[in-house]
Amino acid sequence: MWGIADDSADEPLSELLWGLFAPDGDISWQHKALCSQTDPEAFFPEKGGSTRDAKRVCSQCEVREQCLKWAIDHDERFGIWGGMSERERRRYKKMHKEQA
């Protein structure tokens, strides 16, 4: 019943999770990200909240470009990534799509 794993299941657990935890390329850059050493709430402000502190951290981060690329490639819709808000990333993506 509840909390009991069925070891006799035909499908391995990884098959049941539909790839939710599949490796997603090289994310080793995340270990160098300055945001991993600061308060995560600064990077996910409430609607209308300030993004200034998060962007200040991003401006000093050595993996800012990788972070921004990851957020754009994965259509990240929340938080500050690579120094940009979701709205700024949408605008950036639209500008670069028009130039291509």
C-alpha atoms as a PDB file:
ATOM      1  CA  MET A   1       0.000   0.000   0.000  1.00  0.00           C
ATOM      2  CA  TRP A   2       1.330   3.490   0.833  1.00  0.00           C
ATOM      3  CA  GLY A   3       5.092   3.875   1.028  1.00  0.00           C
ATOM      4  CA  ILE A   4       5.843   0.339  -0.088  1.00  0.00           C
ATOM      5  CA  ALA A   5       7.954  -0.006  -3.206  1.00  0.00           C
ATOM      6  CA  ASP A   6       6.969  -2.753  -5.598  1.00  0.00           C
ATOM      7  CA  ASP A   7      10.255  -4.373  -6.603  1.00  0.00           C
ATOM      8  CA  SER A   8       8.423  -6.646  -8.998  1.00  0.00           C
ATOM      9  CA  ALA A   9       7.460  -3.806 -11.322  1.00  0.00           C
ATOM     10  CA  ASP A  10       8.162  -4.564 -14.961  1.00  0.00           C
ATOM     11  CA  GLU A  11       9.454  -1.078 -15.799  1.00  0.00           C
ATOM     12  CA  PRO A  12      12.497   0.408 -14.088  1.00  0.00           C
ATOM     13  CA  LEU A  13      11.852   3.591 -12.133  1.00  0.00           C
ATOM     14  CA  SER A  14      13.787   5.671 -14.662  1.00  0.00           C
ATOM     15  CA  GLU A  15      11.319   4.623 -17.365  1.00  0.00           C
ATOM     16  CA  LEU A  16       8.368   5.659 -15.210  1.00  0.00           C
ATOM     17  CA  LEU A  17       9.734   9.167 -14.656  1.00  0.00           C
ATOM     18  CA  TRP A  18       9.594   9.984 -18.393  1.00  0.00           C
ATOM     19  CA  GLY A  19      13.048  11.529 -18.450  1.00  0.00           C
ATOM     20  CA  LEU A  20      12.377  14.111 -15.758  1.00  0.00           C
ATOM     21  CA  PHE A  21      15.786  13.523 -14.264  1.00  0.00           C
ATOM     22  CA  ALA A  22      17.698  12.780 -17.425  1.00  0.00           C
ATOM     23  CA  PRO A  23      21.079  14.467 -17.753  1.00  0.00           C
ATOM     24  CA  ASP A  24      20.780  17.783 -19.537  1.00  0.00           C
ATOM     25  CA  GLY A  25      24.158  18.412 -21.087  1.00  0.00           C
ATOM     26  CA  ASP A  26      27.070  19.963 -19.286  1.00  0.00           C
ATOM     27  CA  ILE A  27      25.892  21.880 -16.236  1.00  0.00           C
ATOM     28  CA  SER A  28      29.246  21.925 -14.456  1.00  0.00           C
ATOM     29  CA  TRP A  29      29.197  25.730 -14.763  1.00  0.00           C
ATOM     30  CA  GLN A  30      26.498  25.809 -12.069  1.00  0.00           C
ATOM     31  CA  HIS A  31      29.081  24.936  -9.412  1.00  0.00           C
ATOM     32  CA  LYS A  32      30.929  28.167 -10.226  1.00  0.00           C
ATOM     33  CA  ALA A  33      27.810  30.345 -10.160  1.00  0.00           C
ATOM     34  CA  LEU A  34      27.875  33.090  -7.530  1.00  0.00           C
ATOM     35  CA  CYS A  35      24.122  32.757  -7.020  1.00  0.00           C
ATOM     36  CA  SER A  36      24.690  29.312  -5.505  1.00  0.00           C
ATOM     37  CA  GLN A  37      26.524  31.082  -2.675  1.00  0.00           C
ATOM     38  CA  THR A  38      23.856  33.720  -2.002  1.00  0.00           C
ATOM     39  CA  ASP A  39      20.230  33.953  -0.918  1.00  0.00           C
ATOM     40  CA  PRO A  40      18.101  32.291  -3.619  1.00  0.00           C
ATOM     41  CA  GLU A  41      15.130  34.523  -2.811  1.00  0.00           C
ATOM     42  CA  ALA A  42      16.962  37.457  -4.393  1.00  0.00           C
ATOM     43  CA  PHE A  43      16.818  35.624  -7.734  1.00  0.00           C
ATOM     44  CA  PHE A  44      13.095  34.877  -7.508  1.00  0.00           C
ATOM     45  CA  PRO A  45      11.524  38.130  -6.310  1.00  0.00           C
ATOM     46  CA  GLU A  46       7.799  38.567  -5.784  1.00  0.00           C
ATOM     47  CA  LYS A  47       5.949  40.252  -8.634  1.00  0.00           C
ATOM     48  CA  GLY A  48       7.010  43.887  -8.672  1.00  0.00           C
ATOM     49  CA  GLY A  49       9.950  43.164  -6.326  1.00  0.00           C
ATOM     50  CA  SER A  50      13.429  44.466  -6.909  1.00  0.00           C
ATOM     51  CA  THR A  51      15.848  42.526  -9.096  1.00  0.00           C
ATOM     52  CA  ARG A  52      18.746  44.865  -8.335  1.00  0.00           C
ATOM     53  CA  ASP A  53      20.577  42.618  -5.831  1.00  0.00           C
ATOM     54  CA  ALA A  54      20.376  39.555  -8.064  1.00  0.00           C
ATOM     55  CA  LYS A  55      21.582  41.460 -11.109  1.00  0.00           C
ATOM     56  CA  ARG A  56      24.479  42.875  -9.111  1.00  0.00           C
ATOM     57  CA  VAL A  57      25.576  39.325  -8.235  1.00  0.00           C
ATOM     58  CA  CYS A  58      25.190  38.246 -11.868  1.00  0.00           C
ATOM     59  CA  SER A  59      27.298  41.130 -13.107  1.00  0.00           C
ATOM     60  CA  GLN A  60      30.268  39.759 -11.148  1.00  0.00           C
ATOM     61  CA  CYS A  61      29.711  36.098 -12.049  1.00  0.00           C
ATOM     62  CA  GLU A  62      32.174  34.272 -14.291  1.00  0.00           C
ATOM     63  CA  VAL A  63      29.499  31.935 -15.712  1.00  0.00           C
ATOM     64  CA  ARG A  64      26.904  34.573 -16.544  1.00  0.00           C
ATOM     65  CA  GLU A  65      26.890  33.744 -20.264  1.00  0.00           C
ATOM     66  CA  GLN A  66      26.446  30.007 -19.692  1.00  0.00           C
ATOM     67  CA  CYS A  67      23.646  30.730 -17.242  1.00  0.00           C
ATOM     68  CA  LEU A  68      21.821  33.011 -19.675  1.00  0.00           C
ATOM     69  CA  LYS A  69      22.222  30.528 -22.515  1.00  0.00           C
ATOM     70  CA  TRP A  70      20.848  27.717 -20.343  1.00  0.00           C
ATOM     71  CA  ALA A  71      17.821  29.812 -19.318  1.00  0.00           C
ATOM     72  CA  ILE A  72      17.062  30.759 -22.924  1.00  0.00           C
ATOM     73  CA  ASP A  73      17.596  27.244 -24.272  1.00  0.00           C
ATOM     74  CA  HIS A  74      15.275  25.820 -21.591  1.00  0.00           C
ATOM     75  CA  ASP A  75      12.683  28.586 -21.795  1.00  0.00           C
ATOM     76  CA  GLU A  76      13.103  29.352 -18.082  1.00  0.00           C
ATOM     77  CA  ARG A  77      10.148  31.507 -17.106  1.00  0.00           C
ATOM     78  CA  PHE A  78      10.956  32.412 -13.534  1.00  0.00           C
ATOM     79  CA  GLY A  79      13.758  34.227 -11.813  1.00  0.00           C
ATOM     80  CA  ILE A  80      16.896  36.089 -12.743  1.00  0.00           C
ATOM     81  CA  TRP A  81      19.243  34.040 -14.921  1.00  0.00           C
ATOM     82  CA  GLY A  82      22.402  35.409 -16.478  1.00  0.00           C
ATOM     83  CA  GLY A  83      21.517  38.865 -15.214  1.00  0.00           C
ATOM     84  CA  MET A  84      18.160  39.029 -16.995  1.00  0.00           C
ATOM     85  CA  SER A  85      14.571  38.774 -15.856  1.00  0.00           C
ATOM     86  CA  GLU A  86      12.070  36.611 -17.706  1.00  0.00           C
ATOM     87  CA  ARG A  87      10.770  39.663 -19.581  1.00  0.00           C
ATOM     88  CA  GLU A  88      14.302  40.696 -20.566  1.00  0.00           C
ATOM     89  CA  ARG A  89      15.089  37.174 -21.752  1.00  0.00           C
ATOM     90  CA  ARG A  90      11.961  37.125 -23.907  1.00  0.00           C
ATOM     91  CA  ARG A  91      12.951  40.455 -25.470  1.00  0.00           C
ATOM     92  CA  TYR A  92      16.537  39.225 -26.002  1.00  0.00           C
ATOM     93  CA  LYS A  93      15.288  36.012 -27.589  1.00  0.00           C
ATOM     94  CA  LYS A  94      12.902  37.906 -29.871  1.00  0.00           C
ATOM     95  CA  MET A  95      15.623  40.352 -30.975  1.00  0.00           C
ATOM     96  CA  HIS A  96      18.056  37.548 -31.784  1.00  0.00           C
ATOM     97  CA  LYS A  97      15.397  35.533 -33.585  1.00  0.00           C
ATOM     98  CA  GLU A  98      14.622  38.512 -35.843  1.00  0.00           C
ATOM     99  CA  GLN A  99      18.335  38.969 -36.622  1.00  0.00           C
ATOM    100  CA  ALA A 100      18.783  35.325 -37.618  1.00  0.00           C
END
